[in-house]
């Protein structure tokens, strides 16, 4: 377990060296735990979070569907918040996770709702 976390952290550091979010094109950061999935739009230059969505909220917690379907809905929710704030282009940060399963479902949901990356 510890080896897996160390590997993911080294991948995260490698990704963050090249990816920087700005106010015009923020970084869409994904965090995936065993039960929940979280997404944030981050402006790295100013160090602020512009929008966030999480499956830990009450509306998503009550859904009785697969975790990948919830991840897709989280992607749509973060994209809706981004479009309301006038953001259409983002940089996708998979957070060291493989682009597969819930991470991929979140990205597809965000694309369907209007984000470009």
PDB file of N, CA and C in Angstrom:
ATOM      1  N   UNK A   1       0.830  -1.199   0.000  1.00  0.00           N
ATOM      2  CA  UNK A   1       0.000   0.000   0.000  1.00  0.00           C
ATOM      3  C   UNK A   1       0.861   1.244   0.000  1.00  0.00           C
ATOM      4  N   UNK A   2       1.889   1.276   0.848  1.00  0.00           N
ATOM      5  CA  UNK A   2       2.752   2.442   0.925  1.00  0.00           C
ATOM      6  C   UNK A   2       3.504   2.646  -0.391  1.00  0.00           C
ATOM      7  N   UNK A   3       3.929   1.551  -1.007  1.00  0.00           N
ATOM      8  CA  UNK A   3       4.645   1.639  -2.280  1.00  0.00           C
ATOM      9  C   UNK A   3       3.759   2.262  -3.364  1.00  0.00           C
ATOM     10  N   UNK A   4       2.488   1.916  -3.342  1.00  0.00           N
ATOM     11  CA  UNK A   4       1.537   2.453  -4.309  1.00  0.00           C
ATOM     12  C   UNK A   4       1.362   3.965  -4.112  1.00  0.00           C
ATOM     13  N   UNK A   5       1.289   4.402  -2.865  1.00  0.00           N
ATOM     14  CA  UNK A   5       1.151   5.835  -2.573  1.00  0.00           C
ATOM     15  C   UNK A   5       2.396   6.605  -2.981  1.00  0.00           C
ATOM     16  N   UNK A   6       3.573   6.043  -2.733  1.00  0.00           N
ATOM     17  CA  UNK A   6       4.809   6.702  -3.129  1.00  0.00           C
ATOM     18  C   UNK A   6       4.897   6.838  -4.641  1.00  0.00           C
ATOM     19  N   UNK A   7       4.484   5.808  -5.360  1.00  0.00           N
ATOM     20  CA  UNK A   7       4.490   5.855  -6.819  1.00  0.00           C
ATOM     21  C   UNK A   7       3.548   6.949  -7.324  1.00  0.00           C
ATOM     22  N   UNK A   8       2.342   7.022  -6.748  1.00  0.00           N
ATOM     23  CA  UNK A   8       1.375   8.030  -7.177  1.00  0.00           C
ATOM     24  C   UNK A   8       1.882   9.432  -6.873  1.00  0.00           C
ATOM     25  N   UNK A   9       2.522   9.613  -5.713  1.00  0.00           N
ATOM     26  CA  UNK A   9       3.045  10.932  -5.367  1.00  0.00           C
ATOM     27  C   UNK A   9       4.172  11.357  -6.296  1.00  0.00           C
ATOM     28  N   UNK A  10       5.015  10.428  -6.726  1.00  0.00           N
ATOM     29  CA  UNK A  10       6.081  10.801  -7.657  1.00  0.00           C
ATOM     30  C   UNK A  10       5.496  11.165  -9.018  1.00  0.00           C
ATOM     31  N   UNK A  11       4.451  10.467  -9.431  1.00  0.00           N
ATOM     32  CA  UNK A  11       3.776  10.809 -10.689  1.00  0.00           C
ATOM     33  C   UNK A  11       3.127  12.182 -10.565  1.00  0.00           C
ATOM     34  N   UNK A  12       2.496  12.453  -9.423  1.00  0.00           N
ATOM     35  CA  UNK A  12       1.860  13.762  -9.195  1.00  0.00           C
ATOM     36  C   UNK A  12       2.878  14.892  -9.301  1.00  0.00           C
ATOM     37  N   UNK A  13       4.039  14.710  -8.660  1.00  0.00           N
ATOM     38  CA  UNK A  13       5.074  15.750  -8.715  1.00  0.00           C
ATOM     39  C   UNK A  13       5.558  15.974 -10.140  1.00  0.00           C
ATOM     40  N   UNK A  14       5.712  14.895 -10.894  1.00  0.00           N
ATOM     41  CA  UNK A  14       6.149  14.999 -12.281  1.00  0.00           C
ATOM     42  C   UNK A  14       5.119  15.766 -13.122  1.00  0.00           C
ATOM     43  N   UNK A  15       3.845  15.488 -12.890  1.00  0.00           N
ATOM     44  CA  UNK A  15       2.780  16.168 -13.627  1.00  0.00           C
ATOM     45  C   UNK A  15       2.738  17.650 -13.257  1.00  0.00           C
ATOM     46  N   UNK A  16       2.856  17.961 -11.967  1.00  0.00           N
ATOM     47  CA  UNK A  16       2.745  19.344 -11.501  1.00  0.00           C
ATOM     48  C   UNK A  16       3.905  20.225 -11.959  1.00  0.00           C
ATOM     49  N   UNK A  17       5.052  19.606 -12.310  1.00  0.00           N
ATOM     50  CA  UNK A  17       6.157  20.410 -12.827  1.00  0.00           C
ATOM     51  C   UNK A  17       5.791  21.061 -14.147  1.00  0.00           C
ATOM     52  N   UNK A  18       4.963  20.382 -14.949  1.00  0.00           N
ATOM     53  CA  UNK A  18       4.634  20.890 -16.276  1.00  0.00           C
ATOM     54  C   UNK A  18       3.280  21.577 -16.335  1.00  0.00           C
ATOM     55  N   UNK A  19       2.367  21.234 -15.448  1.00  0.00           N
ATOM     56  CA  UNK A  19       1.006  21.778 -15.489  1.00  0.00           C
ATOM     57  C   UNK A  19       0.873  22.921 -14.487  1.00  0.00           C
ATOM     58  N   UNK A  20       0.467  24.078 -14.970  1.00  0.00           N
ATOM     59  CA  UNK A  20       0.173  25.227 -14.109  1.00  0.00           C
ATOM     60  C   UNK A  20      -1.167  25.812 -14.552  1.00  0.00           C
ATOM     61  N   UNK A  21      -2.063  25.985 -13.609  1.00  0.00           N
ATOM     62  CA  UNK A  21      -3.362  26.553 -13.920  1.00  0.00           C
ATOM     63  C   UNK A  21      -3.338  28.066 -13.786  1.00  0.00           C
ATOM     64  N   UNK A  22      -4.048  28.748 -14.662  1.00  0.00           N
ATOM     65  CA  UNK A  22      -4.177  30.203 -14.600  1.00  0.00           C
ATOM     66  C   UNK A  22      -5.640  30.558 -14.417  1.00  0.00           C
ATOM     67  N   UNK A  23      -5.933  31.846 -14.280  1.00  0.00           N
ATOM     68  CA  UNK A  23      -7.324  32.265 -14.116  1.00  0.00           C
ATOM     69  C   UNK A  23      -8.121  31.998 -15.394  1.00  0.00           C
ATOM     70  N   UNK A  24      -7.484  32.174 -16.560  1.00  0.00           N
ATOM     71  CA  UNK A  24      -8.172  31.937 -17.829  1.00  0.00           C
ATOM     72  C   UNK A  24      -8.289  30.451 -18.145  1.00  0.00           C
ATOM     73  N   UNK A  25      -7.263  29.680 -17.769  1.00  0.00           N
ATOM     74  CA  UNK A  25      -7.250  28.238 -18.029  1.00  0.00           C
ATOM     75  C   UNK A  25      -6.814  27.506 -16.760  1.00  0.00           C
ATOM     76  N   UNK A  26      -7.757  27.290 -15.835  1.00  0.00           N
ATOM     77  CA  UNK A  26      -7.403  26.658 -14.550  1.00  0.00           C
ATOM     78  C   UNK A  26      -7.117  25.169 -14.710  1.00  0.00           C
ATOM     79  N   UNK A  27      -6.566  24.612 -13.660  1.00  0.00           N
ATOM     80  CA  UNK A  27      -6.239  23.194 -13.613  1.00  0.00           C
ATOM     81  C   UNK A  27      -7.424  22.448 -13.006  1.00  0.00           C
ATOM     82  N   UNK A  28      -7.932  21.451 -13.719  1.00  0.00           N
ATOM     83  CA  UNK A  28      -9.004  20.591 -13.218  1.00  0.00           C
ATOM     84  C   UNK A  28      -8.346  19.427 -12.495  1.00  0.00           C
ATOM     85  N   UNK A  29      -8.294  19.517 -11.172  1.00  0.00           N
ATOM     86  CA  UNK A  29      -7.607  18.530 -10.349  1.00  0.00           C
ATOM     87  C   UNK A  29      -8.595  17.491  -9.852  1.00  0.00           C
ATOM     88  N   UNK A  30      -8.192  16.218  -9.924  1.00  0.00           N
ATOM     89  CA  UNK A  30      -9.048  15.111  -9.518  1.00  0.00           C
ATOM     90  C   UNK A  30      -8.409  14.390  -8.340  1.00  0.00           C
ATOM     91  N   UNK A  31      -9.208  14.133  -7.305  1.00  0.00           N
ATOM     92  CA  UNK A  31      -8.781  13.277  -6.201  1.00  0.00           C
ATOM     93  C   UNK A  31      -9.800  12.169  -6.059  1.00  0.00           C
ATOM     94  N   UNK A  32      -9.301  10.942  -5.973  1.00  0.00           N
ATOM     95  CA  UNK A  32     -10.172   9.780  -5.917  1.00  0.00           C
ATOM     96  C   UNK A  32      -9.828   8.983  -4.659  1.00  0.00           C
ATOM     97  N   UNK A  33     -10.815   8.807  -3.791  1.00  0.00           N
ATOM     98  CA  UNK A  33     -10.632   7.920  -2.649  1.00  0.00           C
ATOM     99  C   UNK A  33     -11.387   6.630  -2.954  1.00  0.00           C
ATOM    100  N   UNK A  34     -11.418   5.727  -2.002  1.00  0.00           N
ATOM    101  CA  UNK A  34     -12.105   4.464  -2.256  1.00  0.00           C
ATOM    102  C   UNK A  34     -13.615   4.645  -2.426  1.00  0.00           C
ATOM    103  N   UNK A  35     -14.193   5.609  -1.704  1.00  0.00           N
ATOM    104  CA  UNK A  35     -15.646   5.796  -1.768  1.00  0.00           C
ATOM    105  C   UNK A  35     -16.065   7.039  -2.544  1.00  0.00           C
ATOM    106  N   UNK A  36     -15.278   8.096  -2.512  1.00  0.00           N
ATOM    107  CA  UNK A  36     -15.682   9.382  -3.070  1.00  0.00           C
ATOM    108  C   UNK A  36     -14.748   9.799  -4.201  1.00  0.00           C
ATOM    109  N   UNK A  37     -15.181  10.831  -4.936  1.00  0.00           N
ATOM    110  CA  UNK A  37     -14.331  11.464  -5.939  1.00  0.00           C
ATOM    111  C   UNK A  37     -14.550  12.967  -5.849  1.00  0.00           C
ATOM    112  N   UNK A  38     -13.474  13.723  -5.977  1.00  0.00           N
ATOM    113  CA  UNK A  38     -13.509  15.166  -5.818  1.00  0.00           C
ATOM    114  C   UNK A  38     -12.879  15.814  -7.039  1.00  0.00           C
ATOM    115  N   UNK A  39     -13.387  16.967  -7.437  1.00  0.00           N
ATOM    116  CA  UNK A  39     -12.817  17.721  -8.552  1.00  0.00           C
ATOM    117  C   UNK A  39     -12.761  19.187  -8.163  1.00  0.00           C
ATOM    118  N   UNK A  40     -11.662  19.844  -8.529  1.00  0.00           N
ATOM    119  CA  UNK A  40     -11.489  21.267  -8.238  1.00  0.00           C
ATOM    120  C   UNK A  40     -10.929  21.970  -9.454  1.00  0.00           C
ATOM    121  N   UNK A  41     -11.346  23.210  -9.658  1.00  0.00           N
ATOM    122  CA  UNK A  41     -10.721  24.090 -10.635  1.00  0.00           C
ATOM    123  C   UNK A  41      -9.814  25.029  -9.862  1.00  0.00           C
ATOM    124  N   UNK A  42      -8.508  24.964 -10.145  1.00  0.00           N
ATOM    125  CA  UNK A  42      -7.522  25.676  -9.337  1.00  0.00           C
ATOM    126  C   UNK A  42      -6.739  26.654 -10.196  1.00  0.00           C
ATOM    127  N   UNK A  43      -6.625  27.891  -9.709  1.00  0.00           N
ATOM    128  CA  UNK A  43      -5.756  28.905 -10.301  1.00  0.00           C
ATOM    129  C   UNK A  43      -4.452  28.873  -9.513  1.00  0.00           C
ATOM    130  N   UNK A  44      -3.416  28.258 -10.088  1.00  0.00           N
ATOM    131  CA  UNK A  44      -2.148  28.083  -9.376  1.00  0.00           C
ATOM    132  C   UNK A  44      -1.381  29.393  -9.218  1.00  0.00           C
ATOM    133  N   UNK A  45      -1.568  30.338 -10.126  1.00  0.00           N
ATOM    134  CA  UNK A  45      -0.829  31.599 -10.030  1.00  0.00           C
ATOM    135  C   UNK A  45      -1.249  32.407  -8.815  1.00  0.00           C
ATOM    136  N   UNK A  46      -2.546  32.425  -8.523  1.00  0.00           N
ATOM    137  CA  UNK A  46      -3.056  33.151  -7.362  1.00  0.00           C
ATOM    138  C   UNK A  46      -3.279  32.246  -6.157  1.00  0.00           C
ATOM    139  N   UNK A  47      -3.203  30.938  -6.358  1.00  0.00           N
ATOM    140  CA  UNK A  47      -3.367  29.989  -5.264  1.00  0.00           C
ATOM    141  C   UNK A  47      -4.780  29.896  -4.729  1.00  0.00           C
ATOM    142  N   UNK A  48      -5.779  29.962  -5.623  1.00  0.00           N
ATOM    143  CA  UNK A  48      -7.171  29.889  -5.170  1.00  0.00           C
ATOM    144  C   UNK A  48      -7.925  28.801  -5.928  1.00  0.00           C
ATOM    145  N   UNK A  49      -8.971  28.296  -5.295  1.00  0.00           N
ATOM    146  CA  UNK A  49      -9.871  27.340  -5.922  1.00  0.00           C
ATOM    147  C   UNK A  49     -11.051  28.114  -6.491  1.00  0.00           C
ATOM    148  N   UNK A  50     -11.289  27.958  -7.786  1.00  0.00           N
ATOM    149  CA  UNK A  50     -12.361  28.696  -8.451  1.00  0.00           C
ATOM    150  C   UNK A  50     -13.700  27.985  -8.330  1.00  0.00           C
ATOM    151  N   UNK A  51     -13.702  26.661  -8.360  1.00  0.00           N
ATOM    152  CA  UNK A  51     -14.936  25.889  -8.230  1.00  0.00           C
ATOM    153  C   UNK A  51     -14.574  24.485  -7.758  1.00  0.00           C
ATOM    154  N   UNK A  52     -15.528  23.824  -7.132  1.00  0.00           N
ATOM    155  CA  UNK A  52     -15.297  22.466  -6.644  1.00  0.00           C
ATOM    156  C   UNK A  52     -16.592  21.666  -6.707  1.00  0.00           C
ATOM    157  N   UNK A  53     -16.441  20.365  -6.886  1.00  0.00           N
ATOM    158  CA  UNK A  53     -17.576  19.447  -6.854  1.00  0.00           C
ATOM    159  C   UNK A  53     -17.105  18.150  -6.208  1.00  0.00           C
ATOM    160  N   UNK A  54     -18.016  17.507  -5.480  1.00  0.00           N
ATOM    161  CA  UNK A  54     -17.637  16.322  -4.738  1.00  0.00           C
ATOM    162  C   UNK A  54     -18.805  15.353  -4.663  1.00  0.00           C
ATOM    163  N   UNK A  55     -18.484  14.082  -4.648  1.00  0.00           N
ATOM    164  CA  UNK A  55     -19.523  13.073  -4.486  1.00  0.00           C
ATOM    165  C   UNK A  55     -19.920  12.915  -3.024  1.00  0.00           C
ATOM    166  N   UNK A  56     -19.250  13.612  -2.125  1.00  0.00           N
ATOM    167  CA  UNK A  56     -19.567  13.524  -0.701  1.00  0.00           C
ATOM    168  C   UNK A  56     -20.765  14.400  -0.332  1.00  0.00           C
ATOM    169  N   UNK A  57     -21.245  15.225  -1.267  1.00  0.00           N
ATOM    170  CA  UNK A  57     -22.409  16.055  -0.973  1.00  0.00           C
ATOM    171  C   UNK A  57     -23.665  15.187  -0.913  1.00  0.00           C
ATOM    172  N   UNK A  58     -24.687  15.733  -0.304  1.00  0.00           N
ATOM    173  CA  UNK A  58     -25.895  14.962  -0.035  1.00  0.00           C
ATOM    174  C   UNK A  58     -26.578  14.468  -1.314  1.00  0.00           C
ATOM    175  N   UNK A  59     -26.645  15.324  -2.345  1.00  0.00           N
ATOM    176  CA  UNK A  59     -27.353  14.937  -3.569  1.00  0.00           C
ATOM    177  C   UNK A  59     -26.692  13.747  -4.273  1.00  0.00           C
ATOM    178  N   UNK A  60     -25.369  13.683  -4.252  1.00  0.00           N
ATOM    179  CA  UNK A  60     -24.673  12.566  -4.894  1.00  0.00           C
ATOM    180  C   UNK A  60     -24.573  11.363  -3.969  1.00  0.00           C
ATOM    181  N   UNK A  61     -24.562  11.591  -2.677  1.00  0.00           N
ATOM    182  CA  UNK A  61     -24.445  10.511  -1.709  1.00  0.00           C
ATOM    183  C   UNK A  61     -25.684   9.629  -1.699  1.00  0.00           C
ATOM    184  N   UNK A  62     -26.831  10.202  -2.054  1.00  0.00           N
ATOM    185  CA  UNK A  62     -28.081   9.449  -2.045  1.00  0.00           C
ATOM    186  C   UNK A  62     -28.311   8.649  -3.316  1.00  0.00           C
ATOM    187  N   UNK A  63     -27.492   8.901  -4.353  1.00  0.00           N
ATOM    188  CA  UNK A  63     -27.646   8.178  -5.613  1.00  0.00           C
ATOM    189  C   UNK A  63     -27.235   6.723  -5.423  1.00  0.00           C
ATOM    190  N   UNK A  64     -28.049   5.814  -5.911  1.00  0.00           N
ATOM    191  CA  UNK A  64     -27.766   4.391  -5.784  1.00  0.00           C
ATOM    192  C   UNK A  64     -27.354   3.832  -7.155  1.00  0.00           C
ATOM    193  N   UNK A  65     -26.225   4.331  -7.659  1.00  0.00           N
ATOM    194  CA  UNK A  65     -25.694   3.878  -8.943  1.00  0.00           C
ATOM    195  C   UNK A  65     -24.214   3.561  -8.778  1.00  0.00           C
ATOM    196  N   UNK A  66     -23.583   3.100  -9.847  1.00  0.00           N
ATOM    197  CA  UNK A  66     -22.164   2.756  -9.802  1.00  0.00           C
ATOM    198  C   UNK A  66     -21.318   4.004  -9.560  1.00  0.00           C
ATOM    199  N   UNK A  67     -20.127   3.795  -8.992  1.00  0.00           N
ATOM    200  CA  UNK A  67     -19.236   4.917  -8.688  1.00  0.00           C
ATOM    201  C   UNK A  67     -18.777   5.628  -9.947  1.00  0.00           C
ATOM    202  N   UNK A  68     -18.645   4.912 -11.057  1.00  0.00           N
ATOM    203  CA  UNK A  68     -18.226   5.563 -12.303  1.00  0.00           C
ATOM    204  C   UNK A  68     -19.338   6.467 -12.846  1.00  0.00           C
ATOM    205  N   UNK A  69     -20.595   6.090 -12.617  1.00  0.00           N
ATOM    206  CA  UNK A  69     -21.707   6.956 -13.034  1.00  0.00           C
ATOM    207  C   UNK A  69     -21.752   8.222 -12.182  1.00  0.00           C
ATOM    208  N   UNK A  70     -21.464   8.085 -10.898  1.00  0.00           N
ATOM    209  CA  UNK A  70     -21.405   9.264 -10.026  1.00  0.00           C
ATOM    210  C   UNK A  70     -20.253  10.166 -10.457  1.00  0.00           C
ATOM    211  N   UNK A  71     -19.126   9.575 -10.829  1.00  0.00           N
ATOM    212  CA  UNK A  71     -17.977  10.360 -11.282  1.00  0.00           C
ATOM    213  C   UNK A  71     -18.335  11.158 -12.529  1.00  0.00           C
ATOM    214  N   UNK A  72     -19.099  10.569 -13.424  1.00  0.00           N
ATOM    215  CA  UNK A  72     -19.532  11.281 -14.634  1.00  0.00           C
ATOM    216  C   UNK A  72     -20.412  12.471 -14.266  1.00  0.00           C
ATOM    217  N   UNK A  73     -21.286  12.287 -13.289  1.00  0.00           N
ATOM    218  CA  UNK A  73     -22.142  13.383 -12.833  1.00  0.00           C
ATOM    219  C   UNK A  73     -21.322  14.486 -12.163  1.00  0.00           C
ATOM    220  N   UNK A  74     -20.259  14.114 -11.450  1.00  0.00           N
ATOM    221  CA  UNK A  74     -19.375  15.106 -10.836  1.00  0.00           C
ATOM    222  C   UNK A  74     -18.691  15.919 -11.925  1.00  0.00           C
ATOM    223  N   UNK A  75     -18.274  15.258 -12.997  1.00  0.00           N
ATOM    224  CA  UNK A  75     -17.680  15.954 -14.130  1.00  0.00           C
ATOM    225  C   UNK A  75     -18.633  16.963 -14.741  1.00  0.00           C
ATOM    226  N   UNK A  76     -19.891  16.561 -14.880  1.00  0.00           N
ATOM    227  CA  UNK A  76     -20.892  17.486 -15.417  1.00  0.00           C
ATOM    228  C   UNK A  76     -21.131  18.648 -14.461  1.00  0.00           C
ATOM    229  N   UNK A  77     -21.129  18.365 -13.156  1.00  0.00           N
ATOM    230  CA  UNK A  77     -21.361  19.413 -12.161  1.00  0.00           C
ATOM    231  C   UNK A  77     -20.230  20.434 -12.152  1.00  0.00           C
ATOM    232  N   UNK A  78     -18.979  19.977 -12.217  1.00  0.00           N
ATOM    233  CA  UNK A  78     -17.850  20.913 -12.202  1.00  0.00           C
ATOM    234  C   UNK A  78     -17.827  21.715 -13.493  1.00  0.00           C
ATOM    235  N   UNK A  79     -18.214  21.097 -14.612  1.00  0.00           N
ATOM    236  CA  UNK A  79     -18.250  21.819 -15.882  1.00  0.00           C
ATOM    237  C   UNK A  79     -19.337  22.883 -15.868  1.00  0.00           C
ATOM    238  N   UNK A  80     -20.473  22.581 -15.276  1.00  0.00           N
ATOM    239  CA  UNK A  80     -21.557  23.557 -15.174  1.00  0.00           C
ATOM    240  C   UNK A  80     -21.122  24.759 -14.352  1.00  0.00           C
ATOM    241  N   UNK A  81     -20.437  24.506 -13.223  1.00  0.00           N
ATOM    242  CA  UNK A  81     -19.930  25.609 -12.396  1.00  0.00           C
ATOM    243  C   UNK A  81     -18.886  26.417 -13.140  1.00  0.00           C
ATOM    244  N   UNK A  82     -18.063  25.758 -13.928  1.00  0.00           N
ATOM    245  CA  UNK A  82     -17.022  26.456 -14.688  1.00  0.00           C
ATOM    246  C   UNK A  82     -17.639  27.348 -15.753  1.00  0.00           C
ATOM    247  N   UNK A  83     -18.629  26.843 -16.462  1.00  0.00           N
ATOM    248  CA  UNK A  83     -19.277  27.626 -17.510  1.00  0.00           C
ATOM    249  C   UNK A  83     -19.999  28.826 -16.903  1.00  0.00           C
ATOM    250  N   UNK A  84     -20.577  28.666 -15.725  1.00  0.00           N
ATOM    251  CA  UNK A  84     -21.223  29.791 -15.045  1.00  0.00           C
ATOM    252  C   UNK A  84     -20.215  30.869 -14.670  1.00  0.00           C
ATOM    253  N   UNK A  85     -18.969  30.450 -14.371  1.00  0.00           N
ATOM    254  CA  UNK A  85     -17.917  31.412 -14.032  1.00  0.00           C
ATOM    255  C   UNK A  85     -17.197  31.936 -15.258  1.00  0.00           C
ATOM    256  N   UNK A  86     -17.623  31.541 -16.458  1.00  0.00           N
ATOM    257  CA  UNK A  86     -17.013  32.027 -17.682  1.00  0.00           C
ATOM    258  C   UNK A  86     -15.749  31.287 -18.084  1.00  0.00           C
ATOM    259  N   UNK A  87     -15.594  30.051 -17.650  1.00  0.00           N
ATOM    260  CA  UNK A  87     -14.412  29.251 -17.970  1.00  0.00           C
ATOM    261  C   UNK A  87     -14.834  28.143 -18.932  1.00  0.00           C
ATOM    262  N   UNK A  88     -14.130  28.043 -20.065  1.00  0.00           N
ATOM    263  CA  UNK A  88     -14.449  26.977 -21.013  1.00  0.00           C
ATOM    264  C   UNK A  88     -13.255  26.068 -21.287  1.00  0.00           C
ATOM    265  N   UNK A  89     -12.027  26.562 -21.092  1.00  0.00           N
ATOM    266  CA  UNK A  89     -10.825  25.766 -21.308  1.00  0.00           C
ATOM    267  C   UNK A  89     -10.145  25.480 -19.976  1.00  0.00           C
ATOM    268  N   UNK A  90      -9.757  24.221 -19.774  1.00  0.00           N
ATOM    269  CA  UNK A  90      -9.057  23.835 -18.555  1.00  0.00           C
ATOM    270  C   UNK A  90      -7.887  22.921 -18.919  1.00  0.00           C
ATOM    271  N   UNK A  91      -7.008  22.724 -17.947  1.00  0.00           N
ATOM    272  CA  UNK A  91      -5.929  21.754 -18.063  1.00  0.00           C
ATOM    273  C   UNK A  91      -6.279  20.606 -17.129  1.00  0.00           C
ATOM    274  N   UNK A  92      -6.320  19.393 -17.645  1.00  0.00           N
ATOM    275  CA  UNK A  92      -6.745  18.239 -16.846  1.00  0.00           C
ATOM    276  C   UNK A  92      -5.565  17.683 -16.071  1.00  0.00           C
ATOM    277  N   UNK A  93      -5.728  17.568 -14.758  1.00  0.00           N
ATOM    278  CA  UNK A  93      -4.715  17.000 -13.873  1.00  0.00           C
ATOM    279  C   UNK A  93      -5.298  15.740 -13.252  1.00  0.00           C
ATOM    280  N   UNK A  94      -4.848  14.593 -13.709  1.00  0.00           N
ATOM    281  CA  UNK A  94      -5.409  13.328 -13.233  1.00  0.00           C
ATOM    282  C   UNK A  94      -4.886  12.943 -11.867  1.00  0.00           C
ATOM    283  N   UNK A  95      -3.987  13.712 -11.301  1.00  0.00           N
ATOM    284  CA  UNK A  95      -3.530  13.513  -9.932  1.00  0.00           C
ATOM    285  C   UNK A  95      -2.731  12.252  -9.691  1.00  0.00           C
ATOM    286  N   UNK A  96      -2.059  11.738 -10.711  1.00  0.00           N
ATOM    287  CA  UNK A  96      -1.264  10.538 -10.540  1.00  0.00           C
ATOM    288  C   UNK A  96      -2.041   9.250 -10.722  1.00  0.00           C
ATOM    289  N   UNK A  97      -3.345   9.348 -10.945  1.00  0.00           N
ATOM    290  CA  UNK A  97      -4.160   8.159 -11.175  1.00  0.00           C
ATOM    291  C   UNK A  97      -4.119   7.807 -12.656  1.00  0.00           C
ATOM    292  N   UNK A  98      -4.361   6.546 -12.966  1.00  0.00           N
ATOM    293  CA  UNK A  98      -4.447   6.140 -14.356  1.00  0.00           C
ATOM    294  C   UNK A  98      -5.693   6.750 -14.981  1.00  0.00           C
ATOM    295  N   UNK A  99      -5.598   7.116 -16.261  1.00  0.00           N
ATOM    296  CA  UNK A  99      -6.752   7.660 -16.964  1.00  0.00           C
ATOM    297  C   UNK A  99      -7.641   6.481 -17.358  1.00  0.00           C
ATOM    298  N   UNK A 100      -8.408   6.014 -16.382  1.00  0.00           N
ATOM    299  CA  UNK A 100      -9.192   4.802 -16.544  1.00  0.00           C
ATOM    300  C   UNK A 100     -10.274   4.807 -15.480  1.00  0.00           C
ATOM    301  N   UNK A 101     -11.389   4.219 -15.743  1.00  0.00           N
ATOM    302  CA  UNK A 101     -12.438   4.072 -14.732  1.00  0.00           C
ATOM    303  C   UNK A 101     -13.077   5.384 -14.340  1.00  0.00           C
ATOM    304  N   UNK A 102     -13.041   5.678 -13.030  1.00  0.00           N
ATOM    305  CA  UNK A 102     -13.731   6.866 -12.513  1.00  0.00           C
ATOM    306  C   UNK A 102     -13.098   8.160 -12.986  1.00  0.00           C
ATOM    307  N   UNK A 103     -11.773   8.188 -13.125  1.00  0.00           N
ATOM    308  CA  UNK A 103     -11.097   9.399 -13.587  1.00  0.00           C
ATOM    309  C   UNK A 103     -11.501   9.691 -15.032  1.00  0.00           C
ATOM    310  N   UNK A 104     -11.543   8.661 -15.852  1.00  0.00           N
ATOM    311  CA  UNK A 104     -11.951   8.824 -17.243  1.00  0.00           C
ATOM    312  C   UNK A 104     -13.420   9.234 -17.342  1.00  0.00           C
ATOM    313  N   UNK A 105     -14.270   8.658 -16.494  1.00  0.00           N
ATOM    314  CA  UNK A 105     -15.693   8.997 -16.492  1.00  0.00           C
ATOM    315  C   UNK A 105     -15.902  10.458 -16.108  1.00  0.00           C
ATOM    316  N   UNK A 106     -15.142  10.950 -15.130  1.00  0.00           N
ATOM    317  CA  UNK A 106     -15.230  12.355 -14.738  1.00  0.00           C
ATOM    318  C   UNK A 106     -14.829  13.258 -15.901  1.00  0.00           C
ATOM    319  N   UNK A 107     -13.753  12.909 -16.593  1.00  0.00           N
ATOM    320  CA  UNK A 107     -13.289  13.712 -17.728  1.00  0.00           C
ATOM    321  C   UNK A 107     -14.330  13.724 -18.852  1.00  0.00           C
ATOM    322  N   UNK A 108     -14.918  12.580 -19.131  1.00  0.00           N
ATOM    323  CA  UNK A 108     -15.929  12.505 -20.187  1.00  0.00           C
ATOM    324  C   UNK A 108     -17.166  13.317 -19.825  1.00  0.00           C
ATOM    325  N   UNK A 109     -17.570  13.270 -18.558  1.00  0.00           N
ATOM    326  CA  UNK A 109     -18.714  14.064 -18.111  1.00  0.00           C
ATOM    327  C   UNK A 109     -18.450  15.554 -18.232  1.00  0.00           C
ATOM    328  N   UNK A 110     -17.230  15.975 -17.911  1.00  0.00           N
ATOM    329  CA  UNK A 110     -16.871  17.390 -18.026  1.00  0.00           C
ATOM    330  C   UNK A 110     -16.863  17.833 -19.487  1.00  0.00           C
ATOM    331  N   UNK A 111     -16.373  16.955 -20.366  1.00  0.00           N
ATOM    332  CA  UNK A 111     -16.366  17.294 -21.802  1.00  0.00           C
ATOM    333  C   UNK A 111     -17.786  17.405 -22.341  1.00  0.00           C
ATOM    334  N   UNK A 112     -18.667  16.490 -21.922  1.00  0.00           N
ATOM    335  CA  UNK A 112     -20.056  16.505 -22.386  1.00  0.00           C
ATOM    336  C   UNK A 112     -20.765  17.786 -21.975  1.00  0.00           C
ATOM    337  N   UNK A 113     -20.401  18.321 -20.810  1.00  0.00           N
ATOM    338  CA  UNK A 113     -21.075  19.518 -20.307  1.00  0.00           C
ATOM    339  C   UNK A 113     -20.438  20.817 -20.802  1.00  0.00           C
ATOM    340  N   UNK A 114     -19.387  20.722 -21.642  1.00  0.00           N
ATOM    341  CA  UNK A 114     -18.892  21.936 -22.277  1.00  0.00           C
ATOM    342  C   UNK A 114     -17.473  22.352 -22.006  1.00  0.00           C
ATOM    343  N   UNK A 115     -16.718  21.610 -21.199  1.00  0.00           N
ATOM    344  CA  UNK A 115     -15.330  21.984 -20.959  1.00  0.00           C
ATOM    345  C   UNK A 115     -14.441  21.432 -22.077  1.00  0.00           C
ATOM    346  N   UNK A 116     -13.402  22.191 -22.408  1.00  0.00           N
ATOM    347  CA  UNK A 116     -12.442  21.762 -23.432  1.00  0.00           C
ATOM    348  C   UNK A 116     -11.088  21.550 -22.783  1.00  0.00           C
ATOM    349  N   UNK A 117     -10.510  20.368 -23.003  1.00  0.00           N
ATOM    350  CA  UNK A 117      -9.150  20.073 -22.557  1.00  0.00           C
ATOM    351  C   UNK A 117      -8.580  18.929 -23.326  1.00  0.00           C
TER     352      UNK A 117
END
